[in-house]
Amino acid sequence: MQTTISTEKINAIIDSFGAELHSLKLGNNEYLWQAEPAVWKRHAPVLFPFICNTDSKKYYYDGKEYSLSNHGFARDSEFELVSSTDTEAVFLLKATDATKAIYPFDFNLFVKYSVAGNKITVTYTVKNTDSKDIYFFIGGHPAFRVPLNENERFDDYYVEYEKNENLIQEFNGKSTVILDNKNTVQLSHELFANDVFMKDAPNSSWVAIANQNGRKVKLNYDNGGCIAVWSSYFADEALTKKAEFVCLEPWSSVPVYCDNEEDITKMSHAIKLAPENEYVFTYSIELE
């Protein structure tokens, strides 16, 4: 089921499957990647209760082994629409027997979308409905069309951070300097040959995709967490060229694999939430 919210400037469509944003338009201009299955089949998945995964794809709690798919199960779950207005929609995912078989905790996950002017705000609220502490990671993964216009190229665009950053991309033991006390990265498909690049606790509280003609999508986030930038890259050059999107990903922390730990209670970057408590994570997207 899809729900539409809008202002005089922007229009957003959210699907209840995954509580995933499927369309985000400024006027008639679509800014969100429209999910080409051969390249990347998603638009803007919700990452919960893992960001990425352990190297073994296994983890442990209370001595028992569990397994989650990459980025967890929220993105592949049907949410309940609990409320909606012209400018706001709230979705809910509750723990079930099926989720507890792979993630042994009771929880409520609320995903709220609200629009005002040229901005959409996304709010994740995790409530611990269990009698014990729960552990999780959470984050967003919105993908934006690059280029935005037919007469432009992927490498006409750049990633801009609010402030200068030092950023190193790590992949298979190889380190690549992405930023050395600078704030812009020229886009190219080859930039993602070594996968994602990310910055934990950055100086910047926003990151944007922009071009010289003034088109811009800006993502505001909590800079106490981690911000990641990613696009698909394939050995097949023709397929890579079809990856006309870039993801700006606000995360609660660096991903699961950075902890090098399989006991979820010992993962230093996992959020530990006491019974009846709530954790709120928010980001917003501005279109220009």
Protein backbone atom coordinates (compact mmCIF):
# COMPACT_ATOMS: atom_id res chain seq x y z
CA MET A 1 0.00 0.00 0.00
CA GLN A 2 1.30 3.43 -0.91
CA THR A 3 0.71 6.72 0.88
CA THR A 4 1.27 10.21 -0.55
CA ILE A 5 2.18 13.31 1.42
CA SER A 6 2.90 16.71 -0.12
CA THR A 7 3.34 20.45 0.15
CA GLU A 8 3.00 23.09 -2.56
CA LYS A 9 6.61 22.33 -3.50
CA ILE A 10 7.33 18.64 -2.95
CA ASN A 11 5.50 15.34 -3.24
CA ALA A 12 6.51 12.07 -1.53
CA ILE A 13 5.20 8.52 -1.95
CA ILE A 14 5.90 5.92 0.74
CA ASP A 15 5.23 2.20 0.43
CA SER A 16 4.14 0.25 3.50
CA PHE A 17 6.48 -2.59 2.47
CA GLY A 18 9.65 -1.60 4.23
CA ALA A 19 8.11 1.78 5.08
CA GLU A 20 10.24 2.82 2.12
CA LEU A 21 10.21 6.13 0.31
CA HIS A 22 9.50 5.38 -3.37
CA SER A 23 9.30 8.83 -4.89
CA LEU A 24 10.41 12.34 -3.95
CA LYS A 25 9.61 15.14 -6.38
CA LEU A 26 10.23 18.87 -6.42
CA GLY A 27 7.57 20.08 -8.82
CA ASN A 28 7.65 17.52 -11.63
CA ASN A 29 11.29 16.60 -11.11
CA GLU A 30 11.93 13.16 -9.60
CA TYR A 31 14.95 13.15 -7.26
CA LEU A 32 14.77 9.57 -6.00
CA TRP A 33 16.32 6.58 -7.82
CA GLN A 34 13.56 4.52 -9.40
CA ALA A 35 15.00 1.09 -8.58
CA GLU A 36 16.27 -0.63 -11.72
CA PRO A 37 16.39 -4.30 -10.58
CA ALA A 38 19.47 -5.20 -12.64
CA VAL A 39 21.43 -2.41 -10.94
CA TRP A 40 19.92 -1.87 -7.47
CA LYS A 41 16.33 -2.80 -6.72
CA ARG A 42 15.66 -0.41 -3.84
CA HIS A 43 14.85 3.28 -3.41
CA ALA A 44 15.51 4.23 0.21
CA PRO A 45 15.47 1.22 2.56
CA VAL A 46 15.27 1.41 6.34
CA LEU A 47 18.28 -0.33 7.92
CA PHE A 48 17.36 -2.18 11.14
CA PRO A 49 18.45 -3.94 13.32
CA PHE A 50 21.83 -4.16 11.54
CA ILE A 51 23.77 -1.82 9.30
CA CYS A 52 25.65 -4.13 6.91
CA ASN A 53 26.57 -7.40 8.67
CA THR A 54 29.25 -9.40 10.40
CA ASP A 55 31.84 -11.02 8.14
CA SER A 56 30.40 -14.47 8.90
CA LYS A 57 26.75 -13.32 8.55
CA LYS A 58 26.23 -14.78 12.05
CA TYR A 59 25.91 -13.22 15.49
CA TYR A 60 25.26 -14.43 19.03
CA TYR A 61 23.05 -13.46 21.92
CA ASP A 62 23.01 -15.28 25.25
CA GLY A 63 25.12 -18.07 23.75
CA LYS A 64 22.71 -18.78 20.88
CA GLU A 65 23.59 -18.31 17.21
CA TYR A 66 21.45 -16.12 14.94
CA SER A 67 21.71 -14.90 11.36
CA LEU A 68 20.43 -11.71 9.72
CA SER A 69 20.49 -10.63 6.09
CA ASN A 70 22.57 -7.58 5.25
CA HIS A 71 21.07 -4.43 6.75
CA GLY A 72 18.50 -6.44 8.73
CA PHE A 73 14.88 -7.30 8.06
CA ALA A 74 12.98 -4.00 8.30
CA ARG A 75 13.50 -3.23 4.61
CA ASP A 76 11.78 -6.52 3.69
CA SER A 77 8.90 -6.31 6.19
CA GLU A 78 5.34 -5.08 5.83
CA PHE A 79 4.68 -2.09 8.11
CA GLU A 80 1.33 -0.95 9.44
CA LEU A 81 0.21 2.57 8.54
CA VAL A 82 -0.84 3.91 11.95
CA SER A 83 -1.64 7.51 11.00
CA SER A 84 -1.56 9.87 8.04
CA THR A 85 -2.40 13.43 7.07
CA ASP A 86 -1.71 15.47 3.94
CA THR A 87 1.80 16.22 5.23
CA GLU A 88 2.69 13.30 7.54
CA ALA A 89 2.61 9.50 7.61
CA VAL A 90 3.63 7.14 10.42
CA PHE A 91 4.36 3.43 9.95
CA LEU A 92 4.91 0.73 12.58
CA LEU A 93 6.76 -2.58 12.65
CA LYS A 94 6.39 -4.81 15.71
CA ALA A 95 8.35 -7.88 16.72
CA THR A 96 6.74 -11.16 15.66
CA ASP A 97 7.55 -14.82 16.09
CA ALA A 98 9.28 -14.64 12.70
CA THR A 99 11.51 -11.70 13.67
CA LYS A 100 12.28 -13.21 17.08
CA ALA A 101 13.59 -16.34 15.38
CA ILE A 102 16.38 -14.22 13.85
CA TYR A 103 16.47 -11.28 16.31
CA PRO A 104 15.51 -12.33 19.87
CA PHE A 105 14.04 -9.06 21.12
CA ASP A 106 10.62 -7.40 21.40
CA PHE A 107 10.45 -3.91 19.92
CA ASN A 108 8.29 -1.36 18.16
CA LEU A 109 9.86 0.49 15.23
CA PHE A 110 8.04 3.64 14.13
CA VAL A 111 9.01 5.35 10.85
CA LYS A 112 7.57 8.84 10.39
CA TYR A 113 7.73 10.97 7.25
CA SER A 114 6.74 14.65 7.38
CA VAL A 115 7.02 17.37 4.76
CA ALA A 116 7.27 21.15 5.00
CA GLY A 117 8.27 23.52 2.21
CA ASN A 118 10.98 21.81 0.13
CA LYS A 119 12.04 19.41 2.91
CA ILE A 120 11.08 15.92 4.06
CA THR A 121 12.01 14.78 7.56
CA VAL A 122 12.40 11.09 8.40
CA THR A 123 12.21 9.99 12.03
CA TYR A 124 12.92 6.48 13.30
CA THR A 125 11.77 5.68 16.82
CA VAL A 126 12.70 2.36 18.40
CA LYS A 127 10.86 1.43 21.59
CA ASN A 128 12.06 -1.44 23.74
CA THR A 129 8.95 -3.49 24.57
CA ASP A 130 11.03 -6.33 25.99
CA SER A 131 11.82 -7.09 29.65
CA LYS A 132 15.56 -6.96 28.90
CA ASP A 133 17.98 -4.61 27.17
CA ILE A 134 17.89 -4.74 23.38
CA TYR A 135 20.77 -4.06 20.97
CA PHE A 136 20.58 -2.70 17.43
CA PHE A 137 21.95 -0.45 14.70
CA ILE A 138 19.71 1.80 12.59
CA GLY A 139 20.05 4.06 9.59
CA GLY A 140 18.75 5.39 6.29
CA HIS A 141 19.81 4.52 2.73
CA PRO A 142 18.11 6.97 0.30
CA ALA A 143 19.32 6.84 -3.31
CA PHE A 144 19.20 9.97 -5.45
CA ARG A 145 19.19 10.20 -9.23
CA VAL A 146 22.49 11.27 -10.76
CA PRO A 147 22.21 12.92 -13.17
CA LEU A 148 18.91 14.65 -12.55
CA ASN A 149 18.55 15.90 -16.15
CA GLU A 150 18.81 14.01 -19.45
CA ASN A 151 21.44 16.36 -20.89
CA GLU A 152 23.84 15.81 -17.96
CA ARG A 153 26.39 13.16 -17.01
CA PHE A 154 27.14 11.35 -13.76
CA ASP A 155 30.49 13.09 -13.45
CA ASP A 156 28.92 16.55 -13.81
CA TYR A 157 27.98 16.15 -10.14
CA TYR A 158 29.94 16.25 -6.91
CA VAL A 159 29.43 15.38 -3.25
CA GLU A 160 29.68 18.40 -0.96
CA TYR A 161 30.14 18.31 2.82
CA GLU A 162 29.23 21.26 5.03
CA LYS A 163 32.80 21.50 6.38
CA ASN A 164 36.23 20.20 5.47
CA GLU A 165 36.75 16.51 6.26
CA ASN A 166 39.55 13.97 6.31
CA LEU A 167 38.10 10.83 4.78
CA ILE A 168 39.80 7.55 3.92
CA GLN A 169 38.07 4.70 2.07
CA GLU A 170 39.02 1.24 3.38
CA PHE A 171 38.49 -1.85 1.20
CA ASN A 172 40.15 -5.28 1.30
CA GLY A 173 43.12 -3.91 3.19
CA LYS A 174 43.53 -1.01 0.74
CA SER A 175 43.28 2.62 1.90
CA THR A 176 42.30 5.40 -0.49
CA VAL A 177 42.23 9.09 0.48
CA ILE A 178 38.88 10.56 -0.54
CA LEU A 179 39.22 13.90 1.23
CA ASP A 180 42.27 15.57 2.74
CA ASN A 181 40.91 18.55 4.69
CA LYS A 182 38.56 19.41 1.84
CA ASN A 183 34.78 19.38 1.45
CA THR A 184 33.99 18.32 -2.14
CA VAL A 185 34.40 15.02 -3.98
CA GLN A 186 33.99 14.91 -7.76
CA LEU A 187 31.71 12.02 -8.68
CA SER A 188 32.74 9.21 -10.98
CA HIS A 189 31.63 5.60 -11.18
CA GLU A 190 35.21 4.53 -10.45
CA LEU A 191 34.98 6.27 -7.08
CA PHE A 192 32.82 3.32 -5.94
CA ALA A 193 35.02 0.54 -7.30
CA ASN A 194 36.15 0.08 -3.69
CA ASP A 195 32.59 0.20 -2.35
CA VAL A 196 31.28 2.72 0.19
CA PHE A 197 33.15 5.62 1.74
CA MET A 198 32.04 6.80 5.15
CA LYS A 199 32.92 9.21 7.94
CA ASP A 200 32.24 8.52 11.62
CA ALA A 201 31.42 11.58 13.76
CA PRO A 202 32.09 14.02 10.89
CA ASN A 203 32.61 17.75 11.28
CA SER A 204 29.69 18.32 8.91
CA SER A 205 26.01 18.16 9.82
CA TRP A 206 24.95 17.93 6.17
CA VAL A 207 26.13 16.43 2.90
CA ALA A 208 24.80 17.21 -0.57
CA ILE A 209 24.85 16.06 -4.17
CA ALA A 210 25.11 19.06 -6.45
CA ASN A 211 26.15 20.30 -9.88
CA GLN A 212 27.41 23.59 -11.26
CA ASN A 213 23.93 24.52 -12.52
CA GLY A 214 22.51 24.86 -9.02
CA ARG A 215 20.63 21.57 -8.71
CA LYS A 216 21.13 20.11 -5.25
CA VAL A 217 19.81 17.52 -2.83
CA LYS A 218 21.00 18.10 0.73
CA LEU A 219 20.78 15.57 3.54
CA ASN A 220 20.90 16.85 7.12
CA TYR A 221 21.84 14.37 9.86
CA ASP A 222 23.13 13.94 13.40
CA ASN A 223 26.90 14.28 13.04
CA GLY A 224 27.43 12.23 16.19
CA GLY A 225 26.79 9.18 14.01
CA CYS A 226 28.19 8.14 10.64
CA ILE A 227 27.52 9.38 7.12
CA ALA A 228 28.17 7.08 4.16
CA VAL A 229 28.17 7.58 0.38
CA TRP A 230 27.67 4.68 -2.02
CA SER A 231 26.66 3.63 -5.52
CA SER A 232 26.66 0.32 -7.40
CA TYR A 233 29.80 -0.70 -9.26
CA PHE A 234 30.16 -3.78 -11.48
CA ALA A 235 32.89 -5.52 -13.44
CA ASP A 236 30.57 -5.01 -16.42
CA GLU A 237 31.21 -1.39 -17.47
CA ALA A 238 27.90 -1.12 -19.33
CA LEU A 239 26.00 -2.15 -16.22
CA THR A 240 27.99 0.27 -14.05
CA LYS A 241 27.00 3.13 -16.35
CA LYS A 242 23.36 2.30 -15.64
CA ALA A 243 23.96 2.95 -11.93
CA GLU A 244 22.72 6.51 -12.24
CA PHE A 245 22.30 7.13 -8.54
CA VAL A 246 24.22 7.98 -5.39
CA CYS A 247 23.13 7.06 -1.87
CA LEU A 248 23.62 9.46 1.02
CA GLU A 249 23.31 7.26 4.09
CA PRO A 250 22.89 8.59 7.65
CA TRP A 251 23.68 5.85 10.17
CA SER A 252 23.54 5.63 13.96
CA SER A 253 27.20 4.55 13.86
CA VAL A 254 29.75 2.77 11.72
CA PRO A 255 28.41 -0.59 10.43
CA VAL A 256 28.35 -3.90 12.24
CA TYR A 257 31.51 -5.29 10.63
CA CYS A 258 33.64 -2.47 12.10
CA ASP A 259 33.21 -3.98 15.56
CA ASN A 260 34.88 -7.26 14.51
CA GLU A 261 32.63 -8.94 17.11
CA GLU A 262 29.85 -11.53 16.84
CA ASP A 263 28.35 -11.20 20.34
CA ILE A 264 25.75 -8.46 19.87
CA THR A 265 26.06 -7.38 23.53
CA LYS A 266 29.78 -6.69 22.97
CA MET A 267 29.45 -4.71 19.75
CA SER A 268 30.80 -1.34 20.85
CA HIS A 269 28.77 0.61 18.27
CA ALA A 270 25.44 -1.11 18.90
CA ILE A 271 22.74 0.93 20.61
CA LYS A 272 21.83 -0.58 23.97
CA LEU A 273 18.27 0.32 24.95
CA ALA A 274 16.72 -0.44 28.33
CA PRO A 275 13.14 -1.76 28.73
CA GLU A 276 10.39 0.79 28.04
CA ASN A 277 12.94 3.31 26.72
CA GLU A 278 12.95 4.87 23.26
CA TYR A 279 15.70 5.79 20.82
CA VAL A 280 15.04 8.45 18.19
CA PHE A 281 17.08 8.93 15.00
CA THR A 282 16.22 11.71 12.52
CA TYR A 283 17.44 13.01 9.19
CA SER A 284 15.98 15.34 6.60
CA ILE A 285 16.28 15.89 2.85
CA GLU A 286 16.06 19.31 1.18
CA LEU A 287 15.53 19.65 -2.57
CA GLU A 288 16.76 22.54 -4.70
